[in-house]
Amino acid sequence: MKYSAPSVAASARVIHESVEVLKSLVLRIAEAGRLRVDVSRATDLMYAAGTGVTLTLITTPPVERDPRLSETMREAILSAVTVPAPAEAPNGSPDAPPAADPVAVHAVALRALLTDPPGVLSPAEQQLLNDRLDRLATARSHATVG
């Protein structure tokens, strides 16, 4: 049997499925009111960070690898896309992430919670609400996260 690399189509399908799993996890963070950016942006940032760390580690000779690279990137991304729980809120420490705009955080949370409403809104109303919440979340979160 001859070895060959997996097809591009098979790889794309697996990647798409893994991103969807990641997106569902990020949606849960948003529903909890802990996301400072919209779900799509947080998913993209997390996926890009994970991919970048993986590629960096596999292309770096083992003796030169930073054993804490993955952990450091994880903490940086979580700090960039999430807000601390009220009990965890920093007391003005200099290395604390910038405060999240509460309107953006609540817009992201409300958008996540209303992804599948029980038929209260018409499709047009749902689309309008989603548009407004996305604009609030994106415009206001970009002002606090570069």
Protein backbone atom coordinates (compact mmCIF):
# COMPACT_ATOMS: atom_id res chain seq x y z
CA MET A 1 0.00 0.00 0.00
CA LYS A 2 1.34 3.37 -0.99
CA TYR A 3 1.29 6.26 1.47
CA SER A 4 -0.11 9.55 0.30
CA ALA A 5 -1.08 12.78 1.98
CA PRO A 6 -4.78 13.25 2.73
CA SER A 7 -6.76 15.03 0.07
CA VAL A 8 -7.31 18.75 0.34
CA ALA A 9 -11.07 18.16 0.47
CA ALA A 10 -10.74 15.76 3.41
CA SER A 11 -8.45 18.17 5.25
CA ALA A 12 -10.77 21.12 4.62
CA ARG A 13 -13.74 19.14 5.96
CA VAL A 14 -11.88 18.18 9.15
CA ILE A 15 -10.66 21.74 9.66
CA HIS A 16 -14.19 23.10 9.14
CA GLU A 17 -15.59 20.61 11.66
CA SER A 18 -12.95 21.48 14.25
CA VAL A 19 -13.60 25.21 13.81
CA GLU A 20 -17.33 24.56 14.31
CA VAL A 21 -16.58 22.73 17.57
CA LEU A 22 -14.39 25.64 18.69
CA LYS A 23 -17.13 28.10 17.71
CA SER A 24 -19.69 26.20 19.80
CA LEU A 25 -17.36 26.41 22.81
CA VAL A 26 -16.79 30.13 22.25
CA LEU A 27 -20.57 30.60 21.99
CA ARG A 28 -20.91 29.16 25.49
CA ILE A 29 -18.38 31.72 26.76
CA ALA A 30 -20.42 34.47 25.10
CA GLU A 31 -23.66 33.17 26.60
CA ALA A 32 -22.03 33.41 30.03
CA GLY A 33 -21.31 37.11 29.40
CA ARG A 34 -17.54 36.60 29.42
CA LEU A 35 -16.62 37.42 25.80
CA ARG A 36 -15.24 40.88 24.98
CA VAL A 37 -15.40 40.43 21.18
CA ASP A 38 -17.97 38.80 18.92
CA VAL A 39 -18.07 35.01 18.59
CA SER A 40 -16.68 34.91 15.06
CA ARG A 41 -13.71 37.13 15.87
CA ALA A 42 -12.90 35.20 19.06
CA THR A 43 -13.11 31.91 17.16
CA ASP A 44 -10.84 33.22 14.40
CA LEU A 45 -8.29 34.54 16.90
CA MET A 46 -8.24 31.29 18.87
CA TYR A 47 -7.94 29.17 15.73
CA ALA A 48 -5.16 31.36 14.33
CA ALA A 49 -3.26 31.26 17.62
CA GLY A 50 -3.55 27.49 17.89
CA THR A 51 -2.48 26.99 14.29
CA GLY A 52 0.43 29.38 14.68
CA VAL A 53 1.69 27.72 17.84
CA THR A 54 1.40 24.28 16.27
CA LEU A 55 3.29 25.30 13.13
CA THR A 56 5.95 27.07 15.18
CA LEU A 57 6.49 24.06 17.42
CA ILE A 58 6.69 21.52 14.60
CA THR A 59 9.13 23.65 12.60
CA THR A 60 11.43 24.39 15.53
CA PRO A 61 14.09 21.83 16.39
CA PRO A 62 13.15 20.07 19.63
CA VAL A 63 16.14 21.43 21.57
CA GLU A 64 15.17 25.00 20.63
CA ARG A 65 11.42 24.77 21.42
CA ASP A 66 9.95 26.97 24.11
CA PRO A 67 8.09 24.52 26.36
CA ARG A 68 5.78 27.33 27.57
CA LEU A 69 4.89 28.73 24.13
CA SER A 70 1.47 27.08 24.02
CA GLU A 71 0.58 28.13 27.57
CA THR A 72 1.75 31.71 26.97
CA MET A 73 -0.27 32.01 23.76
CA ARG A 74 -3.35 30.51 25.42
CA GLU A 75 -3.20 33.05 28.23
CA ALA A 76 -2.64 35.94 25.80
CA ILE A 77 -5.62 34.96 23.65
CA LEU A 78 -7.90 34.35 26.61
CA SER A 79 -6.93 37.74 28.01
CA ALA A 80 -7.64 39.39 24.65
CA VAL A 81 -11.07 37.83 24.04
CA THR A 82 -12.58 37.28 27.48
CA VAL A 83 -13.44 39.43 30.44
CA PRO A 84 -12.65 38.26 33.96
CA ALA A 85 -15.46 36.99 36.14
CA PRO A 86 -16.49 39.62 38.68
CA ALA A 87 -14.63 37.78 41.45
CA GLU A 88 -11.49 37.65 39.27
CA ALA A 89 -11.51 41.30 38.17
CA PRO A 90 -8.00 42.77 38.53
CA ASN A 91 -7.47 45.62 40.95
CA GLY A 92 -5.76 47.95 38.52
CA SER A 93 -2.64 45.85 38.07
CA PRO A 94 -0.37 47.23 35.31
CA ASP A 95 -0.38 43.98 33.31
CA ALA A 96 -4.17 43.59 33.43
CA PRO A 97 -5.96 43.54 30.07
CA PRO A 98 -7.86 46.68 29.13
CA ALA A 99 -11.33 46.88 30.57
CA ALA A 100 -14.01 45.61 28.26
CA ASP A 101 -16.81 47.87 27.17
CA PRO A 102 -19.85 46.59 29.12
CA VAL A 103 -22.18 47.39 26.21
CA ALA A 104 -20.08 45.26 23.84
CA VAL A 105 -19.89 42.39 26.35
CA HIS A 106 -23.66 42.44 26.88
CA ALA A 107 -24.36 42.75 23.15
CA VAL A 108 -22.17 39.69 22.49
CA ALA A 109 -23.89 37.77 25.30
CA LEU A 110 -27.39 38.71 24.16
CA ARG A 111 -26.58 37.82 20.55
CA ALA A 112 -25.28 34.42 21.68
CA LEU A 113 -28.30 33.76 23.86
CA LEU A 114 -30.71 34.68 21.07
CA THR A 115 -29.21 32.44 18.39
CA ASP A 116 -32.24 30.17 18.43
CA PRO A 117 -35.16 32.11 19.96
CA PRO A 118 -38.43 30.29 20.57
CA GLY A 119 -40.27 32.08 17.74
CA VAL A 120 -40.95 35.34 19.56
CA LEU A 121 -39.45 37.41 16.75
CA SER A 122 -40.16 37.19 13.05
CA PRO A 123 -37.18 36.32 10.84
CA ALA A 124 -36.95 39.99 9.77
CA GLU A 125 -37.01 41.17 13.38
CA GLN A 126 -34.39 38.59 14.36
CA GLN A 127 -32.15 39.73 11.48
CA LEU A 128 -32.53 43.38 12.48
CA LEU A 129 -31.77 42.62 16.13
CA ASN A 130 -28.75 40.50 15.17
CA ASP A 131 -27.47 43.30 12.95
CA ARG A 132 -27.77 45.88 15.73
CA LEU A 133 -26.18 43.63 18.36
CA ASP A 134 -23.32 42.70 16.02
CA ARG A 135 -22.68 46.37 15.28
CA LEU A 136 -22.69 47.27 18.97
CA ALA A 137 -20.41 44.37 19.86
CA THR A 138 -17.99 44.92 16.99
CA ALA A 139 -17.77 48.71 17.07
CA ARG A 140 -17.42 48.93 20.82
CA SER A 141 -15.11 45.93 21.28
CA HIS A 142 -12.72 47.16 18.55
CA ALA A 143 -12.40 50.39 20.51
CA THR A 144 -11.06 48.48 23.55
CA VAL A 145 -9.22 45.60 21.84
CA GLY A 146 -6.84 46.58 19.04
